[in-house]
Amino acid sequence: VEPSTECWETATFDNNTCAWTVSGTQPVEPSTECWETATFDN
């Protein structure tokens, strides 16, 4: 079964290992000022 992935991830089936490979990294959280809040929108 294909694994669940986050929006920044991609699942690819590898026929050599016969398994799903998940790749991708979440975008880096931006620098914020003390009055700002950064929230990730999926």
PDB file of all heavy atoms in Angstrom:
ATOM      1  N   VAL A   1       0.837  -1.196   0.000  1.00  0.00           N
ATOM      2  CA  VAL A   1       0.000   0.000   0.000  1.00  0.00           C
ATOM      3  C   VAL A   1       0.878   1.254   0.000  1.00  0.00           C
ATOM      4  O   VAL A   1       1.877   1.320   0.722  1.00  0.00           O
ATOM      5  CB  VAL A   1      -0.918   0.002   1.247  1.00  0.00           C
ATOM      6  CG1 VAL A   1      -1.724   1.288   1.326  1.00  0.00           C
ATOM      7  CG2 VAL A   1      -1.832  -1.212   1.220  1.00  0.00           C
ATOM      8  N   GLU A   2       0.500   2.217  -0.825  1.00  0.00           N
ATOM      9  CA  GLU A   2       1.252   3.485  -0.886  1.00  0.00           C
ATOM     10  C   GLU A   2       1.124   4.192   0.460  1.00  0.00           C
ATOM     11  O   GLU A   2       0.029   4.303   1.013  1.00  0.00           O
ATOM     12  CB  GLU A   2       0.704   4.379  -1.993  1.00  0.00           C
ATOM     13  CG  GLU A   2       1.458   5.670  -2.158  1.00  0.00           C
ATOM     14  CD  GLU A   2       1.000   6.494  -3.358  1.00  0.00           C
ATOM     15  OE1 GLU A   2       0.194   6.007  -4.151  1.00  0.00           O
ATOM     16  OE2 GLU A   2       1.464   7.636  -3.487  1.00  0.00           O
ATOM     17  N   PRO A   3       2.240   4.679   1.013  1.00  0.00           N
ATOM     18  CA  PRO A   3       2.178   5.334   2.324  1.00  0.00           C
ATOM     19  C   PRO A   3       1.521   6.710   2.238  1.00  0.00           C
ATOM     20  O   PRO A   3       1.515   7.349   1.184  1.00  0.00           O
ATOM     21  CB  PRO A   3       3.648   5.463   2.726  1.00  0.00           C
ATOM     22  CG  PRO A   3       4.387   5.499   1.434  1.00  0.00           C
ATOM     23  CD  PRO A   3       3.601   4.630   0.487  1.00  0.00           C
ATOM     24  N   SER A   4       0.979   7.151   3.360  1.00  0.00           N
ATOM     25  CA  SER A   4       0.447   8.508   3.445  1.00  0.00           C
ATOM     26  C   SER A   4       1.626   9.475   3.419  1.00  0.00           C
ATOM     27  O   SER A   4       2.669   9.194   4.010  1.00  0.00           O
ATOM     28  CB  SER A   4      -0.333   8.704   4.747  1.00  0.00           C
ATOM     29  OG  SER A   4      -1.442   7.848   4.774  1.00  0.00           O
ATOM     30  N   THR A   5       1.459  10.573   2.739  1.00  0.00           N
ATOM     31  CA  THR A   5       2.550  11.552   2.637  1.00  0.00           C
ATOM     32  C   THR A   5       2.040  12.934   3.009  1.00  0.00           C
ATOM     33  O   THR A   5       0.845  13.211   2.937  1.00  0.00           O
ATOM     34  CB  THR A   5       3.127  11.601   1.214  1.00  0.00           C
ATOM     35  OG1 THR A   5       2.066  11.901   0.294  1.00  0.00           O
ATOM     36  CG2 THR A   5       3.793  10.295   0.824  1.00  0.00           C
ATOM     37  N   GLU A   6       2.969  13.777   3.406  1.00  0.00           N
ATOM     38  CA  GLU A   6       2.668  15.183   3.645  1.00  0.00           C
ATOM     39  C   GLU A   6       2.655  15.882   2.283  1.00  0.00           C
ATOM     40  O   GLU A   6       3.153  15.338   1.301  1.00  0.00           O
ATOM     41  CB  GLU A   6       3.729  15.808   4.556  1.00  0.00           C
ATOM     42  CG  GLU A   6       3.806  15.166   5.933  1.00  0.00           C
ATOM     43  CD  GLU A   6       2.570  15.394   6.792  1.00  0.00           C
ATOM     44  OE1 GLU A   6       1.843  16.393   6.580  1.00  0.00           O
ATOM     45  OE2 GLU A   6       2.319  14.579   7.688  1.00  0.00           O
ATOM     46  N   CYS A   7       2.151  17.106   2.226  1.00  0.00           N
ATOM     47  CA  CYS A   7       2.005  17.805   0.943  1.00  0.00           C
ATOM     48  C   CYS A   7       3.338  18.013   0.231  1.00  0.00           C
ATOM     49  O   CYS A   7       3.384  18.082  -0.988  1.00  0.00           O
ATOM     50  CB  CYS A   7       1.277  19.132   1.125  1.00  0.00           C
ATOM     51  SG  CYS A   7       2.124  20.324   2.202  1.00  0.00           S
ATOM     52  N   TRP A   8       4.431  18.083   0.969  1.00  0.00           N
ATOM     53  CA  TRP A   8       5.745  18.321   0.358  1.00  0.00           C
ATOM     54  C   TRP A   8       6.466  17.027   0.001  1.00  0.00           C
ATOM     55  O   TRP A   8       7.541  17.056  -0.548  1.00  0.00           O
ATOM     56  CB  TRP A   8       6.626  19.164   1.288  1.00  0.00           C
ATOM     57  CG  TRP A   8       6.957  18.467   2.563  1.00  0.00           C
ATOM     58  CD1 TRP A   8       7.977  17.580   2.772  1.00  0.00           C
ATOM     59  CD2 TRP A   8       6.271  18.560   3.792  1.00  0.00           C
ATOM     60  NE1 TRP A   8       7.961  17.121   4.056  1.00  0.00           N
ATOM     61  CE2 TRP A   8       6.914  17.712   4.713  1.00  0.00           C
ATOM     62  CE3 TRP A   8       5.153  19.282   4.225  1.00  0.00           C
ATOM     63  CZ2 TRP A   8       6.487  17.576   6.022  1.00  0.00           C
ATOM     64  CZ3 TRP A   8       4.744  19.136   5.531  1.00  0.00           C
ATOM     65  CH2 TRP A   8       5.396  18.297   6.401  1.00  0.00           C
ATOM     66  N   GLU A   9       5.865  15.888   0.304  1.00  0.00           N
ATOM     67  CA  GLU A   9       6.503  14.600   0.050  1.00  0.00           C
ATOM     68  C   GLU A   9       5.939  13.925  -1.202  1.00  0.00           C
ATOM     69  O   GLU A   9       4.799  14.160  -1.580  1.00  0.00           O
ATOM     70  CB  GLU A   9       6.312  13.663   1.244  1.00  0.00           C
ATOM     71  CG  GLU A   9       6.984  14.137   2.505  1.00  0.00           C
ATOM     72  CD  GLU A   9       6.692  13.244   3.689  1.00  0.00           C
ATOM     73  OE1 GLU A   9       5.526  12.839   3.864  1.00  0.00           O
ATOM     74  OE2 GLU A   9       7.627  12.959   4.444  1.00  0.00           O
ATOM     75  N   THR A  10       6.750  13.057  -1.798  1.00  0.00           N
ATOM     76  CA  THR A  10       6.347  12.266  -2.950  1.00  0.00           C
ATOM     77  C   THR A  10       6.672  10.812  -2.665  1.00  0.00           C
ATOM     78  O   THR A  10       7.758  10.505  -2.176  1.00  0.00           O
ATOM     79  CB  THR A  10       7.117  12.717  -4.213  1.00  0.00           C
ATOM     80  OG1 THR A  10       6.867  14.104  -4.417  1.00  0.00           O
ATOM     81  CG2 THR A  10       6.673  11.949  -5.437  1.00  0.00           C
ATOM     82  N   ALA A  11       5.722   9.923  -2.957  1.00  0.00           N
ATOM     83  CA  ALA A  11       5.961   8.488  -2.783  1.00  0.00           C
ATOM     84  C   ALA A  11       6.158   7.873  -4.169  1.00  0.00           C
ATOM     85  O   ALA A  11       5.341   8.060  -5.065  1.00  0.00           O
ATOM     86  CB  ALA A  11       4.787   7.818  -2.075  1.00  0.00           C
ATOM     87  N   THR A  12       7.264   7.151  -4.337  1.00  0.00           N
ATOM     88  CA  THR A  12       7.589   6.498  -5.596  1.00  0.00           C
ATOM     89  C   THR A  12       7.849   5.027  -5.316  1.00  0.00           C
ATOM     90  O   THR A  12       8.582   4.701  -4.381  1.00  0.00           O
ATOM     91  CB  THR A  12       8.856   7.130  -6.213  1.00  0.00           C
ATOM     92  OG1 THR A  12       8.674   8.540  -6.288  1.00  0.00           O
ATOM     93  CG2 THR A  12       9.121   6.583  -7.600  1.00  0.00           C
ATOM     94  N   PHE A  13       7.280   4.153  -6.146  1.00  0.00           N
ATOM     95  CA  PHE A  13       7.499   2.726  -5.938  1.00  0.00           C
ATOM     96  C   PHE A  13       8.805   2.319  -6.604  1.00  0.00           C
ATOM     97  O   PHE A  13       9.041   2.601  -7.769  1.00  0.00           O
ATOM     98  CB  PHE A  13       6.338   1.896  -6.504  1.00  0.00           C
ATOM     99  CG  PHE A  13       6.374   0.479  -6.019  1.00  0.00           C
ATOM    100  CD1 PHE A  13       5.974   0.166  -4.738  1.00  0.00           C
ATOM    101  CD2 PHE A  13       6.857  -0.537  -6.826  1.00  0.00           C
ATOM    102  CE1 PHE A  13       6.030  -1.131  -4.263  1.00  0.00           C
ATOM    103  CE2 PHE A  13       6.923  -1.844  -6.373  1.00  0.00           C
ATOM    104  CZ  PHE A  13       6.501  -2.143  -5.090  1.00  0.00           C
ATOM    105  N   ASP A  14       9.678   1.670  -5.840  1.00  0.00           N
ATOM    106  CA  ASP A  14      10.988   1.223  -6.312  1.00  0.00           C
ATOM    107  C   ASP A  14      10.907  -0.273  -6.612  1.00  0.00           C
ATOM    108  O   ASP A  14      10.773  -1.093  -5.704  1.00  0.00           O
ATOM    109  CB  ASP A  14      12.045   1.496  -5.241  1.00  0.00           C
ATOM    110  CG  ASP A  14      13.455   1.163  -5.694  1.00  0.00           C
ATOM    111  OD1 ASP A  14      13.628   0.302  -6.575  1.00  0.00           O
ATOM    112  OD2 ASP A  14      14.392   1.752  -5.134  1.00  0.00           O
ATOM    113  N   ASN A  15      10.962  -0.632  -7.897  1.00  0.00           N
ATOM    114  CA  ASN A  15      10.856  -2.044  -8.291  1.00  0.00           C
ATOM    115  C   ASN A  15      12.093  -2.867  -7.924  1.00  0.00           C
ATOM    116  O   ASN A  15      12.029  -4.088  -7.904  1.00  0.00           O
ATOM    117  CB  ASN A  15      10.584  -2.162  -9.793  1.00  0.00           C
ATOM    118  CG  ASN A  15       9.152  -1.820 -10.122  1.00  0.00           C
ATOM    119  OD1 ASN A  15       8.225  -2.323  -9.490  1.00  0.00           O
ATOM    120  ND2 ASN A  15       8.947  -0.948 -11.097  1.00  0.00           N
ATOM    121  N   ASN A  16      13.215  -2.200  -7.633  1.00  0.00           N
ATOM    122  CA  ASN A  16      14.416  -2.935  -7.217  1.00  0.00           C
ATOM    123  C   ASN A  16      14.301  -3.417  -5.780  1.00  0.00           C
ATOM    124  O   ASN A  16      14.644  -4.556  -5.471  1.00  0.00           O
ATOM    125  CB  ASN A  16      15.670  -2.066  -7.382  1.00  0.00           C
ATOM    126  CG  ASN A  16      15.943  -1.762  -8.838  1.00  0.00           C
ATOM    127  OD1 ASN A  16      15.767  -2.609  -9.706  1.00  0.00           O
ATOM    128  ND2 ASN A  16      16.370  -0.552  -9.119  1.00  0.00           N
ATOM    129  N   THR A  17      13.821  -2.537  -4.897  1.00  0.00           N
ATOM    130  CA  THR A  17      13.676  -2.907  -3.487  1.00  0.00           C
ATOM    131  C   THR A  17      12.275  -3.420  -3.188  1.00  0.00           C
ATOM    132  O   THR A  17      12.024  -3.933  -2.102  1.00  0.00           O
ATOM    133  CB  THR A  17      13.961  -1.705  -2.572  1.00  0.00           C
ATOM    134  OG1 THR A  17      12.995  -0.677  -2.851  1.00  0.00           O
ATOM    135  CG2 THR A  17      15.366  -1.179  -2.769  1.00  0.00           C
ATOM    136  N   CYS A  18      11.376  -3.254  -4.127  1.00  0.00           N
ATOM    137  CA  CYS A  18       9.974  -3.653  -3.977  1.00  0.00           C
ATOM    138  C   CYS A  18       9.339  -2.941  -2.782  1.00  0.00           C
ATOM    139  O   CYS A  18       8.620  -3.538  -1.987  1.00  0.00           O
ATOM    140  CB  CYS A  18       9.831  -5.172  -3.865  1.00  0.00           C
ATOM    141  SG  CYS A  18       8.179  -5.731  -4.376  1.00  0.00           S
ATOM    142  N   ALA A  19       9.638  -1.649  -2.656  1.00  0.00           N
ATOM    143  CA  ALA A  19       9.106  -0.862  -1.550  1.00  0.00           C
ATOM    144  C   ALA A  19       8.863   0.572  -2.016  1.00  0.00           C
ATOM    145  O   ALA A  19       9.414   1.010  -3.020  1.00  0.00           O
ATOM    146  CB  ALA A  19      10.089  -0.870  -0.388  1.00  0.00           C
ATOM    147  N   TRP A  20       8.033   1.277  -1.258  1.00  0.00           N
ATOM    148  CA  TRP A  20       7.771   2.684  -1.545  1.00  0.00           C
ATOM    149  C   TRP A  20       8.896   3.528  -0.964  1.00  0.00           C
ATOM    150  O   TRP A  20       9.339   3.299   0.159  1.00  0.00           O
ATOM    151  CB  TRP A  20       6.444   3.110  -0.923  1.00  0.00           C
ATOM    152  CG  TRP A  20       5.261   2.564  -1.665  1.00  0.00           C
ATOM    153  CD1 TRP A  20       4.571   1.430  -1.374  1.00  0.00           C
ATOM    154  CD2 TRP A  20       4.656   3.107  -2.833  1.00  0.00           C
ATOM    155  NE1 TRP A  20       3.567   1.241  -2.290  1.00  0.00           N
ATOM    156  CE2 TRP A  20       3.592   2.255  -3.198  1.00  0.00           C
ATOM    157  CE3 TRP A  20       4.901   4.232  -3.607  1.00  0.00           C
ATOM    158  CZ2 TRP A  20       2.784   2.501  -4.298  1.00  0.00           C
ATOM    159  CZ3 TRP A  20       4.081   4.476  -4.705  1.00  0.00           C
ATOM    160  CH2 TRP A  20       3.045   3.616  -5.043  1.00  0.00           C
ATOM    161  N   THR A  21       9.341   4.520  -1.726  1.00  0.00           N
ATOM    162  CA  THR A  21      10.351   5.458  -1.270  1.00  0.00           C
ATOM    163  C   THR A  21       9.689   6.824  -1.147  1.00  0.00           C
ATOM    164  O   THR A  21       9.088   7.305  -2.107  1.00  0.00           O
ATOM    165  CB  THR A  21      11.524   5.540  -2.275  1.00  0.00           C
ATOM    166  OG1 THR A  21      12.083   4.234  -2.424  1.00  0.00           O
ATOM    167  CG2 THR A  21      12.582   6.510  -1.817  1.00  0.00           C
ATOM    168  N   VAL A  22       9.775   7.415   0.040  1.00  0.00           N
ATOM    169  CA  VAL A  22       9.193   8.735   0.275  1.00  0.00           C
ATOM    170  C   VAL A  22      10.324   9.756   0.278  1.00  0.00           C
ATOM    171  O   VAL A  22      11.336   9.580   0.956  1.00  0.00           O
ATOM    172  CB  VAL A  22       8.433   8.759   1.618  1.00  0.00           C
ATOM    173  CG1 VAL A  22       7.890  10.151   1.900  1.00  0.00           C
ATOM    174  CG2 VAL A  22       7.292   7.739   1.603  1.00  0.00           C
ATOM    175  N   SER A  23      10.160  10.821  -0.516  1.00  0.00           N
ATOM    176  CA  SER A  23      11.190  11.850  -0.583  1.00  0.00           C
ATOM    177  C   SER A  23      10.540  13.226  -0.494  1.00  0.00           C
ATOM    178  O   SER A  23       9.336  13.367  -0.691  1.00  0.00           O
ATOM    179  CB  SER A  23      11.999  11.718  -1.874  1.00  0.00           C
ATOM    180  OG  SER A  23      11.145  11.857  -2.991  1.00  0.00           O
ATOM    181  N   GLY A  24      11.351  14.214  -0.193  1.00  0.00           N
ATOM    182  CA  GLY A  24      10.879  15.594  -0.098  1.00  0.00           C
ATOM    183  C   GLY A  24      11.094  16.133   1.305  1.00  0.00           C
ATOM    184  O   GLY A  24      11.151  15.379   2.269  1.00  0.00           O
ATOM    185  N   THR A  25      11.233  17.433   1.396  1.00  0.00           N
ATOM    186  CA  THR A  25      11.413  18.071   2.696  1.00  0.00           C
ATOM    187  C   THR A  25      10.465  19.246   2.824  1.00  0.00           C
ATOM    188  O   THR A  25      10.146  19.915   1.834  1.00  0.00           O
ATOM    189  CB  THR A  25      12.855  18.582   2.884  1.00  0.00           C
ATOM    190  OG1 THR A  25      13.170  19.457   1.801  1.00  0.00           O
ATOM    191  CG2 THR A  25      13.856  17.449   2.909  1.00  0.00           C
ATOM    192  N   GLN A  26      10.022  19.471   4.043  1.00  0.00           N
ATOM    193  CA  GLN A  26       9.110  20.576   4.306  1.00  0.00           C
ATOM    194  C   GLN A  26       9.841  21.896   4.053  1.00  0.00           C
ATOM    195  O   GLN A  26      11.023  22.020   4.399  1.00  0.00           O
ATOM    196  CB  GLN A  26       8.622  20.517   5.751  1.00  0.00           C
ATOM    197  CG  GLN A  26       7.597  21.581   6.094  1.00  0.00           C
ATOM    198  CD  GLN A  26       7.133  21.479   7.534  1.00  0.00           C
ATOM    199  OE1 GLN A  26       7.855  21.008   8.396  1.00  0.00           O
ATOM    200  NE2 GLN A  26       5.922  21.917   7.796  1.00  0.00           N
ATOM    201  N   PRO A  27       9.163  22.857   3.443  1.00  0.00           N
ATOM    202  CA  PRO A  27       9.806  24.163   3.252  1.00  0.00           C
ATOM    203  C   PRO A  27      10.284  24.717   4.602  1.00  0.00           C
ATOM    204  O   PRO A  27       9.650  24.499   5.634  1.00  0.00           O
ATOM    205  CB  PRO A  27       8.687  25.029   2.668  1.00  0.00           C
ATOM    206  CG  PRO A  27       7.729  24.057   2.051  1.00  0.00           C
ATOM    207  CD  PRO A  27       7.806  22.824   2.904  1.00  0.00           C
ATOM    208  N   VAL A  28      11.393  25.424   4.577  1.00  0.00           N
ATOM    209  CA  VAL A  28      11.981  25.978   5.798  1.00  0.00           C
ATOM    210  C   VAL A  28      11.053  27.046   6.376  1.00  0.00           C
ATOM    211  O   VAL A  28      10.515  27.880   5.645  1.00  0.00           O
ATOM    212  CB  VAL A  28      13.363  26.580   5.486  1.00  0.00           C
ATOM    213  CG1 VAL A  28      13.958  27.260   6.712  1.00  0.00           C
ATOM    214  CG2 VAL A  28      14.291  25.510   4.958  1.00  0.00           C
ATOM    215  N   GLU A  29      10.877  26.981   7.696  1.00  0.00           N
ATOM    216  CA  GLU A  29      10.036  27.980   8.369  1.00  0.00           C
ATOM    217  C   GLU A  29      10.698  29.350   8.226  1.00  0.00           C
ATOM    218  O   GLU A  29      11.897  29.490   8.460  1.00  0.00           O
ATOM    219  CB  GLU A  29       9.874  27.635   9.842  1.00  0.00           C
ATOM    220  CG  GLU A  29       8.947  28.564  10.585  1.00  0.00           C
ATOM    221  CD  GLU A  29       8.680  28.128  12.022  1.00  0.00           C
ATOM    222  OE1 GLU A  29       9.073  27.022  12.394  1.00  0.00           O
ATOM    223  OE2 GLU A  29       8.079  28.920  12.753  1.00  0.00           O
ATOM    224  N   PRO A  30       9.917  30.373   7.849  1.00  0.00           N
ATOM    225  CA  PRO A  30      10.516  31.695   7.651  1.00  0.00           C
ATOM    226  C   PRO A  30      10.897  32.342   8.982  1.00  0.00           C
ATOM    227  O   PRO A  30      10.329  32.018  10.026  1.00  0.00           O
ATOM    228  CB  PRO A  30       9.406  32.478   6.949  1.00  0.00           C
ATOM    229  CG  PRO A  30       8.145  31.820   7.389  1.00  0.00           C
ATOM    230  CD  PRO A  30       8.488  30.359   7.560  1.00  0.00           C
ATOM    231  N   SER A  31      11.854  33.239   8.920  1.00  0.00           N
ATOM    232  CA  SER A  31      12.210  34.034  10.101  1.00  0.00           C
ATOM    233  C   SER A  31      11.052  34.987  10.366  1.00  0.00           C
ATOM    234  O   SER A  31      10.475  35.558   9.437  1.00  0.00           O
ATOM    235  CB  SER A  31      13.484  34.829   9.854  1.00  0.00           C
ATOM    236  OG  SER A  31      14.556  33.960   9.644  1.00  0.00           O
ATOM    237  N   THR A  32      10.730  35.166  11.623  1.00  0.00           N
ATOM    238  CA  THR A  32       9.614  36.054  11.966  1.00  0.00           C
ATOM    239  C   THR A  32      10.067  37.072  13.010  1.00  0.00           C
ATOM    240  O   THR A  32      11.040  36.859  13.732  1.00  0.00           O
ATOM    241  CB  THR A  32       8.425  35.253  12.538  1.00  0.00           C
ATOM    242  OG1 THR A  32       8.877  34.482  13.657  1.00  0.00           O
ATOM    243  CG2 THR A  32       7.812  34.330  11.499  1.00  0.00           C
ATOM    244  N   GLU A  33       9.345  38.157  13.065  1.00  0.00           N
ATOM    245  CA  GLU A  33       9.555  39.151  14.107  1.00  0.00           C
ATOM    246  C   GLU A  33       8.824  38.659  15.359  1.00  0.00           C
ATOM    247  O   GLU A  33       7.996  37.750  15.287  1.00  0.00           O
ATOM    248  CB  GLU A  33       8.987  40.507  13.657  1.00  0.00           C
ATOM    249  CG  GLU A  33       9.646  41.083  12.419  1.00  0.00           C
ATOM    250  CD  GLU A  33      11.104  41.469  12.638  1.00  0.00           C
ATOM    251  OE1 GLU A  33      11.492  41.763  13.781  1.00  0.00           O
ATOM    252  OE2 GLU A  33      11.861  41.470  11.648  1.00  0.00           O
ATOM    253  N   CYS A  34       9.111  39.271  16.498  1.00  0.00           N
ATOM    254  CA  CYS A  34       8.543  38.775  17.758  1.00  0.00           C
ATOM    255  C   CYS A  34       7.013  38.816  17.773  1.00  0.00           C
ATOM    256  O   CYS A  34       6.376  38.015  18.445  1.00  0.00           O
ATOM    257  CB  CYS A  34       9.112  39.542  18.946  1.00  0.00           C
ATOM    258  SG  CYS A  34       8.759  41.322  18.935  1.00  0.00           S
ATOM    259  N   TRP A  35       6.397  39.683  17.019  1.00  0.00           N
ATOM    260  CA  TRP A  35       4.934  39.800  17.001  1.00  0.00           C
ATOM    261  C   TRP A  35       4.282  38.924  15.924  1.00  0.00           C
ATOM    262  O   TRP A  35       3.069  38.870  15.809  1.00  0.00           O
ATOM    263  CB  TRP A  35       4.526  41.261  16.792  1.00  0.00           C
ATOM    264  CG  TRP A  35       4.908  41.795  15.437  1.00  0.00           C
ATOM    265  CD1 TRP A  35       4.214  41.670  14.277  1.00  0.00           C
ATOM    266  CD2 TRP A  35       6.098  42.492  15.111  1.00  0.00           C
ATOM    267  NE1 TRP A  35       4.890  42.251  13.239  1.00  0.00           N
ATOM    268  CE2 TRP A  35       6.062  42.776  13.731  1.00  0.00           C
ATOM    269  CE3 TRP A  35       7.207  42.932  15.847  1.00  0.00           C
ATOM    270  CZ2 TRP A  35       7.068  43.464  13.077  1.00  0.00           C
ATOM    271  CZ3 TRP A  35       8.200  43.619  15.192  1.00  0.00           C
ATOM    272  CH2 TRP A  35       8.125  43.870  13.829  1.00  0.00           C
ATOM    273  N   GLU A  36       5.080  38.215  15.136  1.00  0.00           N
ATOM    274  CA  GLU A  36       4.546  37.380  14.063  1.00  0.00           C
ATOM    275  C   GLU A  36       4.517  35.904  14.457  1.00  0.00           C
ATOM    276  O   GLU A  36       5.311  35.455  15.279  1.00  0.00           O
ATOM    277  CB  GLU A  36       5.397  37.532  12.803  1.00  0.00           C
ATOM    278  CG  GLU A  36       5.363  38.925  12.202  1.00  0.00           C
ATOM    279  CD  GLU A  36       6.291  39.058  11.013  1.00  0.00           C
ATOM    280  OE1 GLU A  36       7.437  38.563  11.082  1.00  0.00           O
ATOM    281  OE2 GLU A  36       5.869  39.662  10.020  1.00  0.00           O
ATOM    282  N   THR A  37       3.617  35.172  13.821  1.00  0.00           N
ATOM    283  CA  THR A  37       3.509  33.732  14.017  1.00  0.00           C
ATOM    284  C   THR A  37       3.523  33.068  12.641  1.00  0.00           C
ATOM    285  O   THR A  37       2.819  33.507  11.738  1.00  0.00           O
ATOM    286  CB  THR A  37       2.191  33.366  14.735  1.00  0.00           C
ATOM    287  OG1 THR A  37       2.157  34.048  15.988  1.00  0.00           O
ATOM    288  CG2 THR A  37       2.090  31.878  14.974  1.00  0.00           C
ATOM    289  N   ALA A  38       4.332  32.013  12.500  1.00  0.00           N
ATOM    290  CA  ALA A  38       4.367  31.250  11.242  1.00  0.00           C
ATOM    291  C   ALA A  38       3.624  29.937  11.463  1.00  0.00           C
ATOM    292  O   ALA A  38       3.904  29.194  12.407  1.00  0.00           O
ATOM    293  CB  ALA A  38       5.804  30.980  10.827  1.00  0.00           C
ATOM    294  N   THR A  39       2.646  29.666  10.599  1.00  0.00           N
ATOM    295  CA  THR A  39       1.849  28.444  10.674  1.00  0.00           C
ATOM    296  C   THR A  39       1.922  27.759   9.315  1.00  0.00           C
ATOM    297  O   THR A  39       1.747  28.408   8.281  1.00  0.00           O
ATOM    298  CB  THR A  39       0.377  28.774  11.001  1.00  0.00           C
ATOM    299  OG1 THR A  39       0.341  29.582  12.177  1.00  0.00           O
ATOM    300  CG2 THR A  39      -0.428  27.511  11.218  1.00  0.00           C
ATOM    301  N   PHE A  40       2.154  26.446   9.336  1.00  0.00           N
ATOM    302  CA  PHE A  40       2.238  25.722   8.067  1.00  0.00           C
ATOM    303  C   PHE A  40       0.841  25.351   7.588  1.00  0.00           C
ATOM    304  O   PHE A  40       0.049  24.776   8.335  1.00  0.00           O
ATOM    305  CB  PHE A  40       3.100  24.466   8.204  1.00  0.00           C
ATOM    306  CG  PHE A  40       3.480  23.887   6.876  1.00  0.00           C
ATOM    307  CD1 PHE A  40       4.485  24.463   6.118  1.00  0.00           C
ATOM    308  CD2 PHE A  40       2.820  22.789   6.359  1.00  0.00           C
ATOM    309  CE1 PHE A  40       4.826  23.957   4.873  1.00  0.00           C
ATOM    310  CE2 PHE A  40       3.148  22.272   5.122  1.00  0.00           C
ATOM    311  CZ  PHE A  40       4.158  22.861   4.382  1.00  0.00           C
ATOM    312  N   ASP A  41       0.518  25.696   6.335  1.00  0.00           N
ATOM    313  CA  ASP A  41      -0.785  25.398   5.726  1.00  0.00           C
ATOM    314  C   ASP A  41      -0.633  24.172   4.836  1.00  0.00           C
ATOM    315  O   ASP A  41       0.022  24.228   3.795  1.00  0.00           O
ATOM    316  CB  ASP A  41      -1.256  26.606   4.905  1.00  0.00           C
ATOM    317  CG  ASP A  41      -2.645  26.421   4.323  1.00  0.00           C
ATOM    318  OD1 ASP A  41      -3.075  25.274   4.092  1.00  0.00           O
ATOM    319  OD2 ASP A  41      -3.305  27.449   4.082  1.00  0.00           O
ATOM    320  N   ASN A  42      -1.234  23.046   5.257  1.00  0.00           N
ATOM    321  CA  ASN A  42      -1.125  21.800   4.493  1.00  0.00           C
ATOM    322  C   ASN A  42      -1.910  21.832   3.186  1.00  0.00           C
ATOM    323  O   ASN A  42      -1.671  21.008   2.307  1.00  0.00           O
ATOM    324  CB  ASN A  42      -1.586  20.613   5.344  1.00  0.00           C
ATOM    325  CG  ASN A  42      -0.539  20.226   6.366  1.00  0.00           C
ATOM    326  OD1 ASN A  42       0.623  20.065   6.038  1.00  0.00           O
ATOM    327  ND2 ASN A  42      -0.962  20.087   7.610  1.00  0.00           N
TER     328      ASN A  42
END
